[in-house]
Amino acid sequence: MRYARIATLKSPTQIHNPKLSRLLYSATAMAFALLAGCSTMPSDAEGQKEFREANDPVEPLNRYFFDVNLFLDKLILKPVTQVYLELPEGPRNGVTNFLRNLHSPVILANDLLQGKLERAGTTASRFGINTTLGVGGIFDLATDAGIERHHEDFGQTLGFWGAGEGPYLVLPILGPAPPRDLAGKVVDYFIDPLTWVARNSDWEWFGPARYSTELIDFRARNFDEIDKVEREAVDLYARVRSAYRQSRIDDIRDGKSGPLVPVPRISINDETPRKVSQGY
């Protein structure tokens, strides 16, 4: 590991920029947290093999944030979702359709970045139909017409072109966010036209409101399945980690088996359940 030369750096108390001081303190705290949360390589050969396959070098820290997210779910998200589920199914479906339609520009961009012109045409058609005839996407008339929905994001785009997932990572609120998918979230944020509409319109509330509504919508659509997994899983953290990775593999492959684009890998080392592809 390379160590930065710190002898000539000023301490945070010597820096007169308050924002920079807070940034340095936060970075230092995060560094100590990461070091404290690192997993130890087992001494036996079998254990070392499992350790490498898990690719979860900061598992103690990940488990801590996983427990934090579970606590927040039980304290806030689940009770709010239970109230939300009291609404009739029709309005709830309208919210789901509306939120999905908002993602269409990002899906279209990633369809094109992956060279999937047919899927890009499908996304554009769905967006045009649902935005106009479907009253802003509240009604999913495109699906009724046989134009099926699919999902794409920049994390999938990176994976499609051969980028590795990187070490497993769990973040507060966000949940599973390995480096590839975390980078994808950042890029998707900036290529989303609504990001710039909200910024230019001084809609500071839009991003948090949208993300909160998406969390409630997702929790509502998967309420019973999530509770069942929590009851039955022997190791819930490992179960979620495995399910997340399998789901992402299936997303990248568009539900198909077979190799991805044959380029060198980058070694920086909602819906109903779908069948997981093998051989990734």
Protein backbone atom coordinates (compact mmCIF):
# COMPACT_ATOMS: atom_id res chain seq x y z
CA MET A 1 0.00 0.00 0.00
CA ARG A 2 1.26 3.43 -0.82
CA TYR A 3 1.32 5.99 1.94
CA ALA A 4 0.99 9.70 1.28
CA ARG A 5 3.72 12.01 2.47
CA ILE A 6 2.11 13.90 5.33
CA ALA A 7 5.06 15.47 7.11
CA THR A 8 4.70 18.80 5.33
CA LEU A 9 0.90 19.02 5.52
CA LYS A 10 -0.73 21.48 7.84
CA SER A 11 -3.10 20.15 10.45
CA PRO A 12 -6.79 20.99 10.10
CA THR A 13 -6.49 23.54 12.89
CA GLN A 14 -3.93 25.43 10.81
CA ILE A 15 -6.16 25.64 7.77
CA HIS A 16 -8.33 28.70 7.69
CA ASN A 17 -10.91 27.32 5.25
CA PRO A 18 -13.75 25.86 7.42
CA LYS A 19 -15.16 23.75 4.59
CA LEU A 20 -11.75 22.23 3.86
CA SER A 21 -11.22 21.55 7.56
CA ARG A 22 -14.52 19.68 7.79
CA LEU A 23 -13.62 17.72 4.67
CA LEU A 24 -10.27 16.70 6.15
CA TYR A 25 -11.86 15.67 9.44
CA SER A 26 -14.48 13.62 7.58
CA ALA A 27 -11.86 11.95 5.38
CA THR A 28 -9.74 11.11 8.43
CA ALA A 29 -12.73 9.64 10.25
CA MET A 30 -13.67 7.58 7.21
CA ALA A 31 -10.11 6.29 6.85
CA PHE A 32 -10.05 5.14 10.48
CA ALA A 33 -13.49 3.55 10.05
CA LEU A 34 -12.34 1.64 6.98
CA LEU A 35 -9.19 0.43 8.72
CA ALA A 36 -11.20 -0.65 11.75
CA GLY A 37 -13.73 -2.41 9.55
CA CYS A 38 -11.29 -4.46 7.47
CA SER A 39 -11.73 -8.23 7.47
CA THR A 40 -8.79 -10.46 8.36
CA MET A 41 -7.64 -13.05 5.82
CA PRO A 42 -8.19 -16.58 7.25
CA SER A 43 -5.10 -18.73 7.72
CA ASP A 44 -6.48 -21.95 6.20
CA ALA A 45 -6.61 -22.50 2.43
CA GLU A 46 -10.37 -23.12 2.28
CA GLY A 47 -11.09 -20.02 4.30
CA GLN A 48 -8.82 -17.93 2.08
CA LYS A 49 -10.66 -19.18 -1.00
CA GLU A 50 -14.04 -18.21 0.48
CA PHE A 51 -12.63 -14.84 1.55
CA ARG A 52 -11.51 -14.04 -1.99
CA GLU A 53 -14.78 -15.24 -3.53
CA ALA A 54 -16.80 -13.06 -1.15
CA ASN A 55 -14.68 -10.03 -2.19
CA ASP A 56 -15.89 -8.24 0.93
CA PRO A 57 -12.71 -6.82 2.52
CA VAL A 58 -14.54 -4.40 4.83
CA GLU A 59 -17.25 -6.85 5.89
CA PRO A 60 -17.37 -5.75 9.56
CA LEU A 61 -18.00 -2.15 8.50
CA ASN A 62 -20.47 -3.28 5.84
CA ARG A 63 -22.38 -5.34 8.41
CA TYR A 64 -22.52 -2.32 10.71
CA PHE A 65 -24.04 -0.11 7.99
CA PHE A 66 -26.33 -2.99 7.00
CA ASP A 67 -27.65 -3.11 10.58
CA VAL A 68 -28.05 0.68 10.54
CA ASN A 69 -30.16 0.42 7.40
CA LEU A 70 -32.25 -2.37 8.93
CA PHE A 71 -32.83 -0.21 12.00
CA LEU A 72 -33.91 2.75 9.85
CA ASP A 73 -36.22 0.46 7.90
CA LYS A 74 -37.95 -0.76 11.06
CA LEU A 75 -38.01 2.70 12.63
CA ILE A 76 -39.14 4.78 9.65
CA LEU A 77 -39.54 3.12 6.26
CA LYS A 78 -41.62 0.10 7.24
CA PRO A 79 -44.18 2.05 9.33
CA VAL A 80 -44.53 4.70 6.62
CA THR A 81 -44.96 1.97 4.01
CA GLN A 82 -47.65 0.27 6.07
CA VAL A 83 -49.62 3.51 6.04
CA TYR A 84 -48.97 3.91 2.31
CA LEU A 85 -50.32 0.39 1.68
CA GLU A 86 -53.69 1.52 3.05
CA LEU A 87 -54.16 3.45 -0.20
CA PRO A 88 -56.08 1.68 -2.99
CA GLU A 89 -53.99 -0.34 -5.42
CA GLY A 90 -54.89 1.92 -8.37
CA PRO A 91 -53.25 5.09 -7.02
CA ARG A 92 -50.23 3.10 -5.83
CA ASN A 93 -49.79 1.64 -9.31
CA GLY A 94 -50.00 5.16 -10.70
CA VAL A 95 -47.13 6.25 -8.43
CA THR A 96 -45.04 3.25 -9.54
CA ASN A 97 -45.70 3.98 -13.21
CA PHE A 98 -44.92 7.68 -12.79
CA LEU A 99 -41.60 7.02 -11.04
CA ARG A 100 -40.57 4.46 -13.65
CA ASN A 101 -41.39 6.85 -16.45
CA LEU A 102 -39.13 9.48 -14.88
CA HIS A 103 -36.21 7.06 -15.30
CA SER A 104 -36.79 6.65 -19.05
CA PRO A 105 -34.20 9.27 -20.22
CA VAL A 106 -31.47 7.60 -18.14
CA ILE A 107 -32.48 4.16 -19.40
CA LEU A 108 -32.44 5.45 -22.99
CA ALA A 109 -28.96 6.94 -22.56
CA ASN A 110 -27.59 3.66 -21.22
CA ASP A 111 -29.31 1.66 -23.96
CA LEU A 112 -27.41 3.80 -26.47
CA LEU A 113 -24.12 3.62 -24.56
CA GLN A 114 -24.38 -0.17 -24.74
CA GLY A 115 -25.17 -0.08 -28.46
CA LYS A 116 -28.60 -1.66 -27.93
CA LEU A 117 -30.53 0.26 -30.56
CA GLU A 118 -33.60 -1.95 -30.51
CA ARG A 119 -33.95 -1.59 -26.75
CA ALA A 120 -33.34 2.15 -27.11
CA GLY A 121 -36.24 2.32 -29.55
CA THR A 122 -38.42 0.45 -27.07
CA THR A 123 -37.51 2.87 -24.29
CA ALA A 124 -38.18 5.91 -26.48
CA SER A 125 -41.54 4.50 -27.58
CA ARG A 126 -42.57 3.75 -24.02
CA PHE A 127 -41.58 7.22 -22.86
CA GLY A 128 -43.46 8.93 -25.69
CA ILE A 129 -46.64 6.90 -25.22
CA ASN A 130 -46.75 7.00 -21.43
CA THR A 131 -45.78 10.67 -21.14
CA THR A 132 -48.49 11.81 -23.55
CA LEU A 133 -51.37 9.34 -23.61
CA GLY A 134 -50.48 8.00 -20.16
CA VAL A 135 -50.80 11.44 -18.53
CA GLY A 136 -47.16 11.95 -17.58
CA GLY A 137 -46.60 8.25 -17.02
CA ILE A 138 -49.31 7.66 -14.44
CA PHE A 139 -50.83 5.06 -16.75
CA ASP A 140 -48.55 2.48 -18.35
CA LEU A 141 -50.30 2.24 -21.70
CA ALA A 142 -47.10 1.08 -23.40
CA THR A 143 -47.11 -2.19 -21.47
CA ASP A 144 -50.80 -2.62 -22.30
CA ALA A 145 -49.79 -2.25 -25.96
CA GLY A 146 -47.17 -4.99 -25.64
CA ILE A 147 -44.12 -2.72 -25.34
CA GLU A 148 -42.40 -4.22 -22.32
CA ARG A 149 -40.35 -2.23 -19.85
CA HIS A 150 -36.68 -2.92 -19.08
CA HIS A 151 -34.14 -1.24 -16.85
CA GLU A 152 -30.64 0.05 -17.56
CA ASP A 153 -28.23 2.17 -15.55
CA PHE A 154 -24.61 3.22 -15.94
CA GLY A 155 -23.46 0.55 -13.51
CA GLN A 156 -24.92 -2.00 -15.93
CA THR A 157 -23.26 -0.17 -18.82
CA LEU A 158 -19.87 -0.48 -17.12
CA GLY A 159 -20.53 -4.15 -16.46
CA PHE A 160 -21.65 -4.71 -20.06
CA TRP A 161 -18.31 -3.39 -21.30
CA GLY A 162 -16.41 -5.64 -18.92
CA ALA A 163 -15.85 -3.55 -15.78
CA GLY A 164 -15.62 -5.62 -12.62
CA GLU A 165 -17.89 -4.97 -9.67
CA GLY A 166 -15.03 -4.28 -7.27
CA PRO A 167 -15.15 -5.04 -3.55
CA TYR A 168 -18.59 -5.26 -2.00
CA LEU A 169 -19.65 -2.12 -0.18
CA VAL A 170 -22.70 -1.12 1.86
CA LEU A 171 -23.51 2.54 2.53
CA PRO A 172 -26.03 4.15 4.88
CA ILE A 173 -29.38 4.79 3.18
CA LEU A 174 -28.06 3.70 -0.25
CA GLY A 175 -27.52 0.07 0.73
CA PRO A 176 -25.30 -2.14 -1.49
CA ALA A 177 -23.00 0.10 -3.55
CA PRO A 178 -19.84 -1.59 -4.90
CA PRO A 179 -17.49 0.83 -6.70
CA ARG A 180 -18.85 0.07 -10.18
CA ASP A 181 -22.47 0.63 -9.17
CA LEU A 182 -21.64 3.62 -6.98
CA ALA A 183 -19.86 5.26 -9.92
CA GLY A 184 -22.88 4.38 -12.04
CA LYS A 185 -25.23 6.16 -9.64
CA VAL A 186 -23.11 9.31 -9.85
CA VAL A 187 -23.05 9.27 -13.67
CA ASP A 188 -26.79 8.56 -13.89
CA TYR A 189 -27.42 11.53 -11.61
CA PHE A 190 -25.60 13.87 -13.98
CA ILE A 191 -27.07 12.49 -17.21
CA ASP A 192 -30.61 12.66 -15.87
CA PRO A 193 -32.30 15.74 -17.42
CA LEU A 194 -34.42 16.15 -14.29
CA THR A 195 -31.26 16.85 -12.29
CA TRP A 196 -30.67 20.01 -14.31
CA VAL A 197 -34.34 20.97 -14.46
CA ALA A 198 -34.50 20.83 -10.67
CA ARG A 199 -31.26 22.80 -10.29
CA ASN A 200 -32.29 25.53 -12.72
CA SER A 201 -35.71 25.79 -11.09
CA ASP A 202 -34.41 25.92 -7.51
CA TRP A 203 -36.30 22.74 -6.65
CA GLU A 204 -34.01 21.69 -3.81
CA TRP A 205 -36.79 19.44 -2.51
CA PHE A 206 -37.15 17.44 -5.73
CA GLY A 207 -34.23 15.02 -5.35
CA PRO A 208 -34.88 14.01 -1.73
CA ALA A 209 -38.64 13.81 -2.34
CA ARG A 210 -38.16 11.63 -5.42
CA TYR A 211 -35.71 9.27 -3.70
CA SER A 212 -37.90 8.97 -0.59
CA THR A 213 -40.95 8.16 -2.70
CA GLU A 214 -38.96 5.54 -4.63
CA LEU A 215 -37.91 3.90 -1.36
CA ILE A 216 -41.50 3.74 -0.13
CA ASP A 217 -42.72 2.46 -3.51
CA PHE A 218 -40.06 -0.26 -3.61
CA ARG A 219 -40.75 -1.29 -0.01
CA ALA A 220 -44.49 -1.45 -0.72
CA ARG A 221 -44.08 -3.59 -3.85
CA ASN A 222 -41.81 -6.03 -2.01
CA PHE A 223 -43.27 -5.79 1.48
CA ASP A 224 -44.14 -9.45 2.06
CA GLU A 225 -41.04 -10.79 0.25
CA ILE A 226 -38.69 -8.65 2.36
CA ASP A 227 -40.35 -9.65 5.62
CA LYS A 228 -40.21 -13.32 4.61
CA VAL A 229 -36.49 -13.16 3.83
CA GLU A 230 -35.81 -11.41 7.15
CA ARG A 231 -37.65 -14.16 9.03
CA GLU A 232 -36.11 -17.12 7.21
CA ALA A 233 -32.52 -16.08 6.49
CA VAL A 234 -29.87 -17.62 8.75
CA ASP A 235 -27.43 -14.85 7.81
CA LEU A 236 -29.47 -11.99 6.38
CA TYR A 237 -26.41 -9.94 5.42
CA ALA A 238 -24.89 -12.78 3.36
CA ARG A 239 -28.28 -13.54 1.82
CA VAL A 240 -28.76 -9.93 0.67
CA ARG A 241 -25.18 -9.72 -0.61
CA SER A 242 -25.64 -12.84 -2.73
CA ALA A 243 -29.07 -11.77 -4.01
CA TYR A 244 -27.78 -8.32 -4.92
CA ARG A 245 -24.87 -9.70 -6.92
CA GLN A 246 -27.01 -12.26 -8.71
CA SER A 247 -29.57 -9.61 -9.56
CA ARG A 248 -26.91 -7.30 -10.99
CA ILE A 249 -25.43 -10.12 -13.08
CA ASP A 250 -28.89 -10.83 -14.47
CA ASP A 251 -29.47 -7.12 -15.16
CA ILE A 252 -26.17 -6.78 -17.03
CA ARG A 253 -26.95 -9.84 -19.16
CA ASP A 254 -30.54 -8.71 -19.80
CA GLY A 255 -31.62 -12.05 -18.37
CA LYS A 256 -29.53 -14.01 -20.87
CA SER A 257 -26.60 -16.37 -20.37
CA GLY A 258 -23.28 -16.18 -22.16
CA PRO A 259 -20.16 -13.99 -22.14
CA LEU A 260 -20.16 -10.23 -22.00
CA VAL A 261 -18.28 -8.00 -24.42
CA PRO A 262 -14.74 -9.53 -24.53
CA VAL A 263 -12.65 -6.59 -23.29
CA PRO A 264 -10.18 -6.54 -20.38
CA ARG A 265 -11.86 -6.25 -17.00
CA ILE A 266 -11.22 -3.21 -14.83
CA SER A 267 -9.57 -4.62 -11.72
CA ILE A 268 -10.15 -1.90 -9.14
CA ASN A 269 -9.30 -4.67 -6.83
CA ASP A 270 -38.26 -3.91 -8.63
CA GLU A 271 -40.04 -6.11 -9.90
CA THR A 272 -40.84 -9.72 -9.39
CA PRO A 273 -37.92 -12.09 -8.83
CA ARG A 274 -36.21 -13.20 -12.04
CA LYS A 275 -34.26 -16.30 -12.90
CA VAL A 276 -30.55 -15.69 -12.41
CA SER A 277 -28.14 -16.34 -15.27
CA GLN A 278 -25.07 -18.45 -14.59
CA GLY A 279 -21.49 -18.39 -15.76
CA TYR A 280 -20.59 -14.77 -15.03
